[in-house]
N, C-alpha and C. Protein backbone atom coordinates (compact mmCIF):
# COMPACT_ATOMS: atom_id res chain seq x y z
N MET A 1 -127.98 37.75 16.90
CA MET A 1 -128.86 37.89 15.74
C MET A 1 -128.69 39.39 15.49
N ARG A 2 -128.87 39.51 14.36
CA ARG A 2 -128.49 40.39 13.99
C ARG A 2 -130.01 41.61 13.53
N LYS A 3 -129.78 43.13 14.05
CA LYS A 3 -130.65 43.60 13.75
C LYS A 3 -131.27 44.00 12.28
N ARG A 4 -132.44 43.83 12.39
CA ARG A 4 -133.11 44.31 10.75
C ARG A 4 -133.36 45.63 10.96
N LYS A 5 -133.12 46.64 9.50
CA LYS A 5 -133.52 47.88 9.15
C LYS A 5 -134.78 48.14 8.79
N GLN A 6 -135.49 48.91 9.47
CA GLN A 6 -136.53 49.45 9.50
C GLN A 6 -136.85 49.51 8.45
N ARG A 7 -138.14 49.19 7.05
CA ARG A 7 -138.32 49.69 6.55
C ARG A 7 -138.83 50.93 5.58
N ASP A 8 -139.20 52.31 6.59
CA ASP A 8 -139.54 53.72 6.52
C ASP A 8 -137.98 54.43 7.00
N ALA A 9 -137.45 54.15 7.38
CA ALA A 9 -135.99 54.67 7.81
C ALA A 9 -135.33 55.16 6.88
N PRO A 10 -134.98 56.20 6.88
CA PRO A 10 -134.37 57.26 5.90
C PRO A 10 -132.92 56.37 5.39
N LYS A 11 -132.85 57.02 3.98
CA LYS A 11 -131.72 56.19 3.56
C LYS A 11 -130.64 57.04 3.59
N THR A 12 -129.35 56.64 3.94
CA THR A 12 -128.12 57.41 3.43
C THR A 12 -128.02 58.37 2.33
N PRO A 13 -127.53 59.76 2.27
CA PRO A 13 -126.89 60.11 1.13
C PRO A 13 -126.21 59.53 0.37
N ARG A 14 -126.29 59.29 -0.96
CA ARG A 14 -125.28 58.98 -1.88
C ARG A 14 -124.19 59.59 -1.57
N SER A 15 -122.88 59.32 -1.95
CA SER A 15 -121.39 59.28 -2.49
C SER A 15 -121.29 59.69 -3.67
N GLY A 16 -119.93 60.49 -4.31
CA GLY A 16 -119.68 60.78 -5.24
C GLY A 16 -119.77 59.56 -6.16
N TYR A 17 -118.88 58.73 -5.50
CA TYR A 17 -119.16 57.09 -6.54
C TYR A 17 -119.83 56.85 -6.60
N SER A 18 -121.09 56.69 -6.19
CA SER A 18 -122.64 56.36 -6.20
C SER A 18 -122.95 57.37 -7.10
N LEU A 19 -122.90 58.56 -6.91
CA LEU A 19 -123.39 58.77 -8.11
C LEU A 19 -123.09 58.47 -9.85
N PHE A 20 -121.64 58.91 -9.63
CA PHE A 20 -120.49 58.47 -11.03
C PHE A 20 -121.26 56.57 -11.24
N PHE A 21 -121.57 55.88 -10.62
CA PHE A 21 -121.29 54.57 -11.10
C PHE A 21 -122.86 54.26 -11.14
N GLN A 22 -123.78 55.69 -11.33
CA GLN A 22 -125.40 55.41 -11.05
C GLN A 22 -125.12 56.01 -12.42
N ASP A 23 -125.07 56.89 -13.11
CA ASP A 23 -124.67 57.50 -14.43
C ASP A 23 -123.79 56.00 -15.30
N MET A 24 -122.93 55.63 -14.59
CA MET A 24 -122.53 54.94 -16.07
C MET A 24 -122.65 53.90 -16.30
N CYS A 25 -123.80 53.07 -15.24
CA CYS A 25 -124.31 51.75 -15.01
C CYS A 25 -125.52 52.26 -16.77
N LYS A 26 -125.61 53.24 -16.52
CA LYS A 26 -126.82 53.42 -18.01
C LYS A 26 -126.01 52.86 -19.23
N MET A 27 -124.81 53.43 -19.14
CA MET A 27 -123.83 53.33 -20.37
C MET A 27 -123.12 51.75 -20.67
N VAL A 28 -123.04 51.30 -19.88
CA VAL A 28 -122.17 50.45 -19.39
C VAL A 28 -122.97 48.53 -19.89
N SER A 29 -122.81 47.83 -20.74
CA SER A 29 -123.98 46.40 -20.88
C SER A 29 -122.66 45.49 -20.57
N GLY A 30 -123.85 44.49 -20.66
CA GLY A 30 -122.62 42.90 -20.40
C GLY A 30 -122.82 42.71 -19.23
N ASP A 31 -121.88 41.64 -18.51
CA ASP A 31 -121.65 41.17 -17.39
C ASP A 31 -121.74 41.78 -16.26
N ALA A 32 -122.80 41.51 -14.99
CA ALA A 32 -122.56 42.48 -14.03
C ALA A 32 -121.57 42.53 -13.02
N SER A 33 -120.12 41.43 -13.45
CA SER A 33 -119.13 41.87 -12.36
C SER A 33 -118.13 42.37 -13.01
N GLU A 34 -118.45 42.49 -14.72
CA GLU A 34 -117.53 42.84 -15.45
C GLU A 34 -117.41 44.77 -15.46
N ALA A 35 -118.61 45.00 -15.95
CA ALA A 35 -119.45 45.81 -15.38
C ALA A 35 -119.16 46.79 -14.77
N ARG A 36 -119.04 46.32 -13.40
CA ARG A 36 -118.40 47.32 -11.75
C ARG A 36 -116.78 47.30 -11.89
N LEU A 37 -116.26 46.17 -12.50
CA LEU A 37 -114.66 46.46 -12.78
C LEU A 37 -114.82 47.91 -13.71
N GLN A 38 -115.27 47.52 -14.99
CA GLN A 38 -115.43 48.42 -15.63
C GLN A 38 -115.21 49.48 -14.87
N ILE A 39 -116.25 50.32 -14.11
CA ILE A 39 -116.51 51.54 -13.51
C ILE A 39 -115.54 51.81 -12.65
N GLY A 40 -114.95 50.83 -11.97
CA GLY A 40 -114.47 51.34 -11.29
C GLY A 40 -113.01 50.92 -11.74
N GLN A 41 -112.32 50.75 -12.64
CA GLN A 41 -111.38 51.65 -12.95
C GLN A 41 -111.19 53.04 -14.27
N ALA A 42 -112.99 53.22 -14.24
CA ALA A 42 -113.05 54.61 -14.93
C ALA A 42 -112.97 55.57 -14.05
N TRP A 43 -113.45 55.60 -12.70
CA TRP A 43 -113.59 56.37 -11.23
C TRP A 43 -112.32 56.67 -11.18
N THR A 44 -111.16 55.33 -10.95
CA THR A 44 -109.59 56.18 -10.59
C THR A 44 -108.64 56.60 -12.32
N LEU A 45 -109.49 56.14 -12.95
CA LEU A 45 -108.48 56.99 -13.85
C LEU A 45 -109.44 58.57 -14.18
N LEU A 46 -110.71 59.19 -13.67
CA LEU A 46 -110.88 60.08 -13.66
C LEU A 46 -110.01 61.54 -13.73
N THR A 47 -109.98 62.26 -14.00
CA THR A 47 -109.63 63.44 -13.58
C THR A 47 -110.09 63.80 -12.43
N ASP A 48 -109.50 65.25 -11.66
CA ASP A 48 -109.57 65.39 -10.34
C ASP A 48 -111.23 66.75 -10.71
N GLU A 49 -110.98 67.57 -12.13
CA GLU A 49 -112.06 67.94 -12.27
C GLU A 49 -113.48 67.12 -12.73
N ALA A 50 -113.17 66.51 -13.37
CA ALA A 50 -115.05 65.69 -13.40
C ALA A 50 -114.48 65.03 -12.07
N ARG A 51 -114.26 64.29 -11.41
CA ARG A 51 -114.69 63.77 -10.05
C ARG A 51 -115.23 64.73 -9.14
N GLN A 52 -114.52 66.23 -9.51
CA GLN A 52 -115.17 66.91 -8.12
C GLN A 52 -116.86 67.08 -8.71
N GLN A 53 -117.10 67.21 -10.04
CA GLN A 53 -118.27 66.86 -10.41
C GLN A 53 -119.05 66.19 -9.33
N TYR A 54 -119.45 65.71 -9.04
CA TYR A 54 -119.38 64.26 -8.57
C TYR A 54 -119.60 64.57 -7.31
N GLU A 55 -118.70 64.54 -6.44
CA GLU A 55 -118.26 65.28 -5.50
C GLU A 55 -119.03 66.55 -4.87
N LEU A 56 -119.29 67.76 -5.87
CA LEU A 56 -120.20 68.19 -5.41
C LEU A 56 -121.94 68.19 -5.03
N LYS A 57 -122.34 67.03 -5.99
CA LYS A 57 -123.53 67.20 -5.82
C LYS A 57 -124.08 65.99 -4.75
N ALA A 58 -122.92 65.00 -4.42
CA ALA A 58 -122.46 64.33 -3.07
C ALA A 58 -123.43 65.28 -1.80
N ALA A 59 -122.35 66.62 -2.47
CA ALA A 59 -122.38 67.60 -1.02
C ALA A 59 -123.66 68.15 -1.22
N GLU A 60 -124.43 68.22 -1.75
CA GLU A 60 -125.30 69.04 -1.90
C GLU A 60 -126.85 68.15 -1.95
N ASN A 61 -126.09 66.85 -1.80
CA ASN A 61 -127.88 66.22 -1.80
C ASN A 61 -127.02 65.61 -0.11
N ASN A 62 -126.12 65.78 0.57
CA ASN A 62 -126.15 65.62 1.57
C ASN A 62 -126.55 66.53 2.71
N GLN A 63 -126.51 67.84 1.95
CA GLN A 63 -126.86 68.97 3.06
C GLN A 63 -128.29 69.21 2.66
N ARG A 64 -128.96 68.64 1.66
CA ARG A 64 -130.55 67.64 1.81
C ARG A 64 -131.05 67.37 2.70
N HIS A 65 -130.10 66.14 2.78
CA HIS A 65 -130.79 65.41 3.51
C HIS A 65 -130.90 65.73 5.11
N GLN A 66 -129.10 66.02 5.62
CA GLN A 66 -129.55 66.81 6.23
C GLN A 66 -130.68 68.00 7.38
N SER A 67 -130.90 67.87 6.38
CA SER A 67 -131.49 69.34 6.62
C SER A 67 -133.67 69.07 7.08
């Protein structure tokens, strides 16, 4: 039997992709599975400079989470 996660357990910090996905969900409308595909494609086409913006936010979030 699988062990259940506690409700009050701390959440893991978000990744750069997760933060990007959250921002893009606000802009994309339509079918959920189609939106996920569009966001995934947008992430792969993202320039390194734009991607680094989300990676820095994720690193800051990770530092705050570990403190």
